[in-house]
Amino acid sequence: MDDFLAMTEADIARWFGIAAPNEPARRMAADMAQIIAAFEKVRGTLKFEDEPSSFEQALLDTRDAGA
């Protein structure tokens, strides 16, 4: 995790020209490693194409109701 934090701080410095302002900001950046790992764990398991999303169905219902 220290490598991730160091890379994150370097990216911030490179892109924005600032250093992490304080310890809470450093902890927040370090937490991103866990968040990224959680998203990677579920990659490929979410199948939105299996059924229409509720938003898409609401659009269709609205279109049909207005006709």
N, C-alpha and C. Protein backbone atom coordinates (compact mmCIF):
# COMPACT_ATOMS: atom_id res chain seq x y z
N MET A 1 0.82 -1.18 0.00
CA MET A 1 0.00 0.00 0.00
C MET A 1 0.87 1.25 0.00
N ASP A 2 2.05 1.19 0.60
CA ASP A 2 2.93 2.34 0.61
C ASP A 2 3.33 2.73 -0.81
N ASP A 3 3.53 1.72 -1.69
CA ASP A 3 3.86 2.01 -3.08
C ASP A 3 2.72 2.74 -3.76
N PHE A 4 1.49 2.28 -3.50
CA PHE A 4 0.32 2.92 -4.10
C PHE A 4 0.21 4.37 -3.63
N LEU A 5 0.39 4.59 -2.34
CA LEU A 5 0.31 5.94 -1.79
C LEU A 5 1.39 6.83 -2.40
N ALA A 6 2.59 6.32 -2.52
CA ALA A 6 3.68 7.10 -3.11
C ALA A 6 3.38 7.43 -4.56
N MET A 7 2.86 6.47 -5.31
CA MET A 7 2.51 6.71 -6.70
C MET A 7 1.37 7.72 -6.82
N THR A 8 0.38 7.62 -5.92
CA THR A 8 -0.74 8.56 -5.94
C THR A 8 -0.25 9.97 -5.65
N GLU A 9 0.59 10.13 -4.65
CA GLU A 9 1.12 11.46 -4.33
C GLU A 9 1.96 12.00 -5.48
N ALA A 10 2.71 11.14 -6.14
CA ALA A 10 3.51 11.58 -7.28
C ALA A 10 2.61 12.02 -8.44
N ASP A 11 1.53 11.27 -8.67
CA ASP A 11 0.58 11.64 -9.73
C ASP A 11 -0.07 12.99 -9.43
N ILE A 12 -0.46 13.20 -8.19
CA ILE A 12 -1.06 14.48 -7.81
C ILE A 12 -0.07 15.61 -8.04
N ALA A 13 1.16 15.40 -7.64
CA ALA A 13 2.18 16.43 -7.83
C ALA A 13 2.41 16.70 -9.31
N ARG A 14 2.43 15.64 -10.10
CA ARG A 14 2.69 15.79 -11.54
C ARG A 14 1.53 16.51 -12.23
N TRP A 15 0.30 16.09 -11.96
CA TRP A 15 -0.84 16.64 -12.67
C TRP A 15 -1.29 18.00 -12.14
N PHE A 16 -1.20 18.19 -10.84
CA PHE A 16 -1.76 19.41 -10.25
C PHE A 16 -0.72 20.35 -9.66
N GLY A 17 0.52 19.87 -9.55
CA GLY A 17 1.58 20.71 -9.03
C GLY A 17 1.47 21.00 -7.54
N ILE A 18 0.82 20.12 -6.79
CA ILE A 18 0.69 20.30 -5.35
C ILE A 18 1.06 19.01 -4.64
N ALA A 19 1.36 19.11 -3.37
CA ALA A 19 1.61 17.94 -2.54
C ALA A 19 0.36 17.68 -1.72
N ALA A 20 0.18 16.43 -1.29
CA ALA A 20 -0.96 16.12 -0.42
C ALA A 20 -0.91 17.08 0.77
N PRO A 21 -2.00 17.79 1.03
CA PRO A 21 -1.95 18.90 1.99
C PRO A 21 -1.79 18.51 3.45
N ASN A 22 -2.29 17.33 3.82
CA ASN A 22 -2.25 16.97 5.24
C ASN A 22 -2.43 15.46 5.40
N GLU A 23 -2.36 15.03 6.64
CA GLU A 23 -2.44 13.59 6.92
C GLU A 23 -3.80 12.99 6.53
N PRO A 24 -4.93 13.66 6.81
CA PRO A 24 -6.20 13.07 6.35
C PRO A 24 -6.25 12.86 4.83
N ALA A 25 -5.67 13.79 4.07
CA ALA A 25 -5.64 13.63 2.61
C ALA A 25 -4.78 12.43 2.23
N ARG A 26 -3.69 12.22 2.93
CA ARG A 26 -2.84 11.05 2.64
C ARG A 26 -3.58 9.76 2.95
N ARG A 27 -4.31 9.73 4.07
CA ARG A 27 -5.08 8.53 4.43
C ARG A 27 -6.17 8.27 3.39
N MET A 28 -6.81 9.33 2.93
CA MET A 28 -7.86 9.19 1.92
C MET A 28 -7.29 8.60 0.63
N ALA A 29 -6.13 9.08 0.23
CA ALA A 29 -5.48 8.55 -0.98
C ALA A 29 -5.11 7.08 -0.77
N ALA A 30 -4.64 6.74 0.41
CA ALA A 30 -4.28 5.35 0.69
C ALA A 30 -5.51 4.44 0.66
N ASP A 31 -6.66 4.95 1.07
CA ASP A 31 -7.89 4.16 1.05
C ASP A 31 -8.31 3.81 -0.37
N MET A 32 -7.87 4.60 -1.33
CA MET A 32 -8.23 4.33 -2.73
C MET A 32 -7.73 2.96 -3.18
N ALA A 33 -6.63 2.50 -2.63
CA ALA A 33 -6.12 1.17 -3.00
C ALA A 33 -7.15 0.10 -2.68
N GLN A 34 -7.81 0.20 -1.53
CA GLN A 34 -8.83 -0.77 -1.15
C GLN A 34 -10.06 -0.65 -2.04
N ILE A 35 -10.44 0.57 -2.39
CA ILE A 35 -11.60 0.78 -3.25
C ILE A 35 -11.35 0.20 -4.63
N ILE A 36 -10.17 0.47 -5.17
CA ILE A 36 -9.82 -0.07 -6.49
C ILE A 36 -9.82 -1.59 -6.46
N ALA A 37 -9.27 -2.18 -5.41
CA ALA A 37 -9.24 -3.64 -5.29
C ALA A 37 -10.65 -4.21 -5.23
N ALA A 38 -11.56 -3.52 -4.53
CA ALA A 38 -12.94 -4.00 -4.44
C ALA A 38 -13.63 -3.97 -5.81
N PHE A 39 -13.39 -2.92 -6.59
CA PHE A 39 -13.96 -2.85 -7.93
C PHE A 39 -13.37 -3.92 -8.84
N GLU A 40 -12.07 -4.15 -8.72
CA GLU A 40 -11.43 -5.18 -9.54
C GLU A 40 -11.98 -6.56 -9.21
N LYS A 41 -12.35 -6.77 -7.97
CA LYS A 41 -12.86 -8.07 -7.53
C LYS A 41 -14.19 -8.41 -8.21
N VAL A 42 -15.04 -7.40 -8.47
CA VAL A 42 -16.34 -7.67 -9.08
C VAL A 42 -16.35 -7.46 -10.59
N ARG A 43 -15.19 -7.11 -11.15
CA ARG A 43 -15.11 -6.92 -12.60
C ARG A 43 -15.54 -8.18 -13.32
N GLY A 44 -16.42 -8.03 -14.27
CA GLY A 44 -16.89 -9.16 -15.06
C GLY A 44 -18.07 -9.89 -14.45
N THR A 45 -18.46 -9.54 -13.24
CA THR A 45 -19.59 -10.24 -12.61
C THR A 45 -20.89 -9.46 -12.74
N LEU A 46 -20.82 -8.18 -13.06
CA LEU A 46 -22.03 -7.38 -13.21
C LEU A 46 -22.47 -7.47 -14.67
N LYS A 47 -23.66 -7.96 -14.90
CA LYS A 47 -24.15 -8.20 -16.26
C LYS A 47 -25.38 -7.34 -16.52
N PHE A 48 -25.14 -6.09 -16.89
CA PHE A 48 -26.25 -5.19 -17.14
C PHE A 48 -27.04 -5.59 -18.39
N GLU A 49 -26.41 -6.32 -19.30
CA GLU A 49 -27.11 -6.67 -20.53
C GLU A 49 -28.07 -7.84 -20.34
N ASP A 50 -28.08 -8.48 -19.17
CA ASP A 50 -28.95 -9.63 -18.94
C ASP A 50 -30.43 -9.23 -18.94
N GLU A 51 -30.75 -8.05 -18.50
CA GLU A 51 -32.12 -7.56 -18.52
C GLU A 51 -32.09 -6.05 -18.67
N PRO A 52 -33.14 -5.46 -19.19
CA PRO A 52 -33.12 -4.01 -19.39
C PRO A 52 -33.00 -3.29 -18.05
N SER A 53 -32.27 -2.22 -18.08
CA SER A 53 -32.15 -1.43 -16.85
C SER A 53 -33.47 -0.74 -16.57
N SER A 54 -33.70 -0.40 -15.32
CA SER A 54 -34.97 0.25 -14.96
C SER A 54 -35.06 1.63 -15.59
N PHE A 55 -33.94 2.31 -15.80
CA PHE A 55 -33.97 3.62 -16.43
C PHE A 55 -34.43 3.50 -17.88
N GLU A 56 -33.89 2.50 -18.58
CA GLU A 56 -34.30 2.29 -19.96
C GLU A 56 -35.79 1.96 -20.03
N GLN A 57 -36.26 1.14 -19.12
CA GLN A 57 -37.68 0.78 -19.11
C GLN A 57 -38.54 2.00 -18.80
N ALA A 58 -38.10 2.86 -17.90
CA ALA A 58 -38.85 4.08 -17.59
C ALA A 58 -38.93 4.98 -18.81
N LEU A 59 -37.86 5.08 -19.58
CA LEU A 59 -37.91 5.88 -20.82
C LEU A 59 -38.93 5.31 -21.80
N LEU A 60 -38.92 3.99 -21.96
CA LEU A 60 -39.88 3.36 -22.86
C LEU A 60 -41.31 3.57 -22.38
N ASP A 61 -41.54 3.44 -21.08
CA ASP A 61 -42.89 3.63 -20.53
C ASP A 61 -43.36 5.06 -20.76
N THR A 62 -42.45 6.02 -20.57
CA THR A 62 -42.81 7.42 -20.76
C THR A 62 -43.13 7.69 -22.22
N ARG A 63 -42.34 7.14 -23.12
CA ARG A 63 -42.59 7.33 -24.55
C ARG A 63 -43.93 6.74 -24.94
N ASP A 64 -44.23 5.53 -24.45
CA ASP A 64 -45.49 4.88 -24.78
C ASP A 64 -46.68 5.62 -24.20
N ALA A 65 -46.53 6.19 -23.02
CA ALA A 65 -47.63 6.89 -22.36
C ALA A 65 -47.95 8.20 -23.07
N GLY A 66 -46.94 8.82 -23.69
CA GLY A 66 -47.13 10.11 -24.34
C GLY A 66 -47.72 9.96 -25.75
N ALA A 67 -47.79 8.77 -26.27
CA ALA A 67 -48.26 8.58 -27.65
C ALA A 67 -49.76 8.60 -27.77
